[in-house]
């Protein structure tokens, strides 16, 4: 099992601190995306995700990250996938 993180999408009030922490451990900054707008984070997820990907959602209740989980569930249904046209 590969436990490497391919991309980190961070959102919220303390997101800059997450980026700084990742940078201090040597993480590649081109694999970290910072968002202040939930719809932009969802757009990036839509661009990045492929079938079989694993997503970890971590956040405080005050950040209402369940919105991201709900979005992921809705967009993981077969009828919601983009066509490969």
N, C-alpha and C. Protein backbone atom coordinates (compact mmCIF):
# COMPACT_ATOMS: atom_id res chain seq x y z
N UNK A 1 0.84 -1.18 0.00
CA UNK A 1 0.00 0.00 0.00
C UNK A 1 0.88 1.24 0.00
N UNK A 2 0.59 2.16 -0.86
CA UNK A 2 1.33 3.41 -0.94
C UNK A 2 0.67 4.43 -0.02
N UNK A 3 1.42 4.93 0.96
CA UNK A 3 0.84 5.88 1.91
C UNK A 3 1.22 7.32 1.60
N UNK A 4 1.84 7.55 0.47
CA UNK A 4 2.25 8.90 0.10
C UNK A 4 1.03 9.75 -0.23
N UNK A 5 1.14 11.02 0.07
CA UNK A 5 0.08 11.97 -0.28
C UNK A 5 0.42 12.55 -1.64
N UNK A 6 -0.49 12.40 -2.59
CA UNK A 6 -0.27 12.94 -3.93
C UNK A 6 -0.52 14.44 -3.99
N UNK A 7 -1.53 14.88 -3.25
CA UNK A 7 -1.88 16.30 -3.27
C UNK A 7 -2.61 16.65 -1.99
N UNK A 8 -2.34 17.80 -1.44
CA UNK A 8 -3.04 18.29 -0.25
C UNK A 8 -3.80 19.55 -0.64
N UNK A 9 -5.09 19.53 -0.37
CA UNK A 9 -5.93 20.70 -0.59
C UNK A 9 -6.31 21.22 0.78
N UNK A 10 -5.90 22.42 1.11
CA UNK A 10 -6.17 22.96 2.44
C UNK A 10 -7.11 24.15 2.34
N UNK A 11 -7.96 24.26 3.36
CA UNK A 11 -9.04 25.24 3.33
C UNK A 11 -9.25 25.78 4.73
N UNK A 12 -9.48 27.06 4.81
CA UNK A 12 -9.92 27.63 6.08
C UNK A 12 -8.98 28.63 6.70
N UNK A 13 -9.38 29.03 7.88
CA UNK A 13 -8.71 30.10 8.61
C UNK A 13 -7.23 29.82 8.88
N UNK A 14 -6.89 28.57 9.15
CA UNK A 14 -5.52 28.23 9.50
C UNK A 14 -4.79 27.50 8.37
N UNK A 15 -5.32 27.56 7.18
CA UNK A 15 -4.75 26.83 6.06
C UNK A 15 -3.31 27.24 5.78
N UNK A 16 -3.01 28.51 5.95
CA UNK A 16 -1.63 28.97 5.70
C UNK A 16 -0.65 28.27 6.63
N UNK A 17 -1.08 27.98 7.86
CA UNK A 17 -0.21 27.28 8.82
C UNK A 17 0.03 25.83 8.38
N UNK A 18 -0.98 25.22 7.80
CA UNK A 18 -0.82 23.86 7.28
C UNK A 18 0.20 23.85 6.15
N UNK A 19 0.10 24.82 5.27
CA UNK A 19 1.05 24.93 4.15
C UNK A 19 2.46 25.16 4.70
N UNK A 20 2.60 26.05 5.67
CA UNK A 20 3.92 26.33 6.25
C UNK A 20 4.49 25.08 6.92
N UNK A 21 3.65 24.33 7.62
CA UNK A 21 4.10 23.09 8.26
C UNK A 21 4.54 22.06 7.24
N UNK A 22 3.77 21.92 6.17
CA UNK A 22 4.13 20.98 5.12
C UNK A 22 5.45 21.39 4.47
N UNK A 23 5.60 22.68 4.23
CA UNK A 23 6.83 23.18 3.61
C UNK A 23 8.03 22.90 4.52
N UNK A 24 7.84 23.06 5.83
CA UNK A 24 8.95 22.85 6.77
C UNK A 24 9.40 21.39 6.82
N UNK A 25 8.54 20.48 6.39
CA UNK A 25 8.91 19.06 6.37
C UNK A 25 9.45 18.63 5.01
N UNK A 26 9.56 19.58 4.08
CA UNK A 26 10.11 19.28 2.77
C UNK A 26 9.09 18.90 1.73
N UNK A 27 7.81 19.10 2.03
CA UNK A 27 6.76 18.78 1.06
C UNK A 27 6.90 19.67 -0.17
N UNK A 28 6.58 19.11 -1.31
CA UNK A 28 6.63 19.86 -2.56
C UNK A 28 5.45 20.82 -2.62
N UNK A 29 5.72 22.10 -2.73
CA UNK A 29 4.64 23.09 -2.72
C UNK A 29 3.77 23.03 -3.97
N UNK A 30 4.25 22.40 -5.03
CA UNK A 30 3.39 22.27 -6.21
C UNK A 30 2.35 21.16 -6.03
N UNK A 31 2.37 20.50 -4.88
CA UNK A 31 1.38 19.47 -4.56
C UNK A 31 0.48 19.91 -3.41
N UNK A 32 0.51 21.18 -3.08
CA UNK A 32 -0.32 21.74 -2.02
C UNK A 32 -1.10 22.91 -2.61
N UNK A 33 -2.40 22.88 -2.43
CA UNK A 33 -3.25 23.97 -2.92
C UNK A 33 -4.02 24.56 -1.76
N UNK A 34 -3.98 25.87 -1.65
CA UNK A 34 -4.62 26.61 -0.56
C UNK A 34 -5.89 27.26 -1.08
N UNK A 35 -6.98 27.09 -0.35
CA UNK A 35 -8.27 27.64 -0.76
C UNK A 35 -8.91 28.43 0.37
N UNK A 36 -9.51 29.55 0.01
CA UNK A 36 -10.31 30.33 0.94
C UNK A 36 -11.78 30.26 0.54
N UNK A 37 -12.05 29.62 -0.58
CA UNK A 37 -13.40 29.52 -1.12
C UNK A 37 -13.72 28.04 -1.35
N UNK A 38 -14.79 27.57 -0.73
CA UNK A 38 -15.15 26.16 -0.82
C UNK A 38 -15.46 25.73 -2.24
N UNK A 39 -16.11 26.57 -3.01
CA UNK A 39 -16.45 26.18 -4.39
C UNK A 39 -15.19 25.99 -5.23
N UNK A 40 -14.15 26.76 -4.97
CA UNK A 40 -12.89 26.58 -5.70
C UNK A 40 -12.22 25.26 -5.30
N UNK A 41 -12.30 24.91 -4.03
CA UNK A 41 -11.76 23.63 -3.58
C UNK A 41 -12.49 22.49 -4.27
N UNK A 42 -13.81 22.58 -4.36
CA UNK A 42 -14.59 21.55 -5.03
C UNK A 42 -14.25 21.47 -6.52
N UNK A 43 -14.01 22.60 -7.15
CA UNK A 43 -13.60 22.60 -8.56
C UNK A 43 -12.27 21.88 -8.73
N UNK A 44 -11.34 22.12 -7.83
CA UNK A 44 -10.04 21.45 -7.90
C UNK A 44 -10.20 19.95 -7.67
N UNK A 45 -11.03 19.56 -6.72
CA UNK A 45 -11.29 18.13 -6.51
C UNK A 45 -11.84 17.50 -7.78
N UNK A 46 -12.76 18.20 -8.42
CA UNK A 46 -13.36 17.69 -9.65
C UNK A 46 -12.30 17.47 -10.73
N UNK A 47 -11.29 18.33 -10.77
CA UNK A 47 -10.22 18.21 -11.76
C UNK A 47 -9.22 17.11 -11.40
N UNK A 48 -8.96 16.92 -10.12
CA UNK A 48 -7.91 16.00 -9.70
C UNK A 48 -8.35 14.56 -9.54
N UNK A 49 -9.57 14.34 -9.07
CA UNK A 49 -9.98 13.00 -8.67
C UNK A 49 -10.21 12.07 -9.86
N UNK A 50 -9.77 10.84 -9.67
CA UNK A 50 -10.02 9.78 -10.64
C UNK A 50 -10.58 8.58 -9.86
N UNK A 51 -11.29 7.68 -10.54
CA UNK A 51 -11.85 6.51 -9.85
C UNK A 51 -10.77 5.76 -9.08
N UNK A 52 -11.11 5.39 -7.86
CA UNK A 52 -10.18 4.65 -7.01
C UNK A 52 -9.35 5.51 -6.09
N UNK A 53 -9.39 6.82 -6.26
CA UNK A 53 -8.65 7.72 -5.37
C UNK A 53 -9.20 7.64 -3.96
N UNK A 54 -8.33 7.87 -3.00
CA UNK A 54 -8.72 7.93 -1.59
C UNK A 54 -8.60 9.38 -1.15
N UNK A 55 -9.63 9.87 -0.47
CA UNK A 55 -9.66 11.25 -0.01
C UNK A 55 -9.82 11.24 1.50
N UNK A 56 -8.98 11.99 2.20
CA UNK A 56 -9.12 12.18 3.64
C UNK A 56 -9.58 13.61 3.86
N UNK A 57 -10.69 13.76 4.56
CA UNK A 57 -11.21 15.10 4.89
C UNK A 57 -11.00 15.29 6.38
N UNK A 58 -10.26 16.33 6.73
CA UNK A 58 -9.95 16.63 8.13
C UNK A 58 -10.27 18.09 8.38
N UNK A 59 -11.04 18.35 9.41
CA UNK A 59 -11.34 19.73 9.75
C UNK A 59 -12.21 19.81 10.99
N UNK A 60 -12.26 20.98 11.56
CA UNK A 60 -13.08 21.18 12.74
C UNK A 60 -14.55 21.29 12.35
N UNK A 61 -15.42 21.03 13.30
CA UNK A 61 -16.85 21.17 13.05
C UNK A 61 -17.18 22.60 12.64
N UNK A 62 -16.46 23.56 13.16
CA UNK A 62 -16.76 24.96 12.83
C UNK A 62 -16.47 25.28 11.36
N UNK A 63 -15.63 24.48 10.71
CA UNK A 63 -15.33 24.69 9.29
C UNK A 63 -16.36 24.03 8.40
N UNK A 64 -17.25 23.21 8.99
CA UNK A 64 -18.33 22.56 8.24
C UNK A 64 -17.80 21.74 7.07
N UNK A 65 -16.76 20.97 7.34
CA UNK A 65 -16.16 20.16 6.27
C UNK A 65 -17.09 19.06 5.77
N UNK A 66 -18.20 18.84 6.48
CA UNK A 66 -19.18 17.87 5.96
C UNK A 66 -19.71 18.30 4.61
N UNK A 67 -19.61 19.59 4.30
CA UNK A 67 -20.01 20.06 2.96
C UNK A 67 -19.13 19.43 1.89
N UNK A 68 -17.86 19.27 2.20
CA UNK A 68 -16.94 18.63 1.26
C UNK A 68 -17.28 17.14 1.14
N UNK A 69 -17.55 16.51 2.28
CA UNK A 69 -17.92 15.09 2.26
C UNK A 69 -19.19 14.89 1.45
N UNK A 70 -20.20 15.73 1.69
CA UNK A 70 -21.45 15.63 0.92
C UNK A 70 -21.18 15.79 -0.57
N UNK A 71 -20.34 16.75 -0.93
CA UNK A 71 -19.99 16.98 -2.34
C UNK A 71 -19.30 15.74 -2.92
N UNK A 72 -18.35 15.18 -2.16
CA UNK A 72 -17.64 13.98 -2.63
C UNK A 72 -18.60 12.82 -2.85
N UNK A 73 -19.52 12.63 -1.93
CA UNK A 73 -20.50 11.54 -2.08
C UNK A 73 -21.34 11.76 -3.32
N UNK A 74 -21.84 12.97 -3.49
CA UNK A 74 -22.68 13.27 -4.64
C UNK A 74 -21.92 13.08 -5.96
N UNK A 75 -20.67 13.49 -5.99
CA UNK A 75 -19.90 13.41 -7.23
C UNK A 75 -19.22 12.07 -7.45
N UNK A 76 -19.37 11.16 -6.51
CA UNK A 76 -18.80 9.83 -6.71
C UNK A 76 -19.81 8.87 -7.32
N UNK A 77 -21.04 9.32 -7.45
CA UNK A 77 -22.07 8.49 -8.07
C UNK A 77 -21.81 8.41 -9.57
N UNK A 78 -22.01 7.24 -10.15
CA UNK A 78 -21.71 7.06 -11.59
C UNK A 78 -22.40 8.07 -12.49
N UNK A 79 -23.64 8.43 -12.21
CA UNK A 79 -24.36 9.35 -13.09
C UNK A 79 -23.82 10.78 -13.03
N UNK A 80 -23.00 11.08 -12.02
CA UNK A 80 -22.49 12.45 -11.92
C UNK A 80 -21.12 12.62 -12.56
N UNK A 81 -20.49 11.51 -13.01
CA UNK A 81 -19.17 11.61 -13.64
C UNK A 81 -19.27 12.27 -15.01
N UNK A 82 -18.23 13.03 -15.30
CA UNK A 82 -18.16 13.67 -16.63
C UNK A 82 -17.98 12.59 -17.69
N UNK A 83 -18.51 12.85 -18.85
CA UNK A 83 -18.30 11.91 -19.95
C UNK A 83 -16.88 12.06 -20.47
N UNK A 84 -16.37 11.02 -21.06
CA UNK A 84 -14.99 11.03 -21.57
C UNK A 84 -14.95 11.48 -23.02
N UNK A 85 -15.82 12.39 -23.38
CA UNK A 85 -15.91 12.84 -24.78
C UNK A 85 -14.73 13.63 -25.21
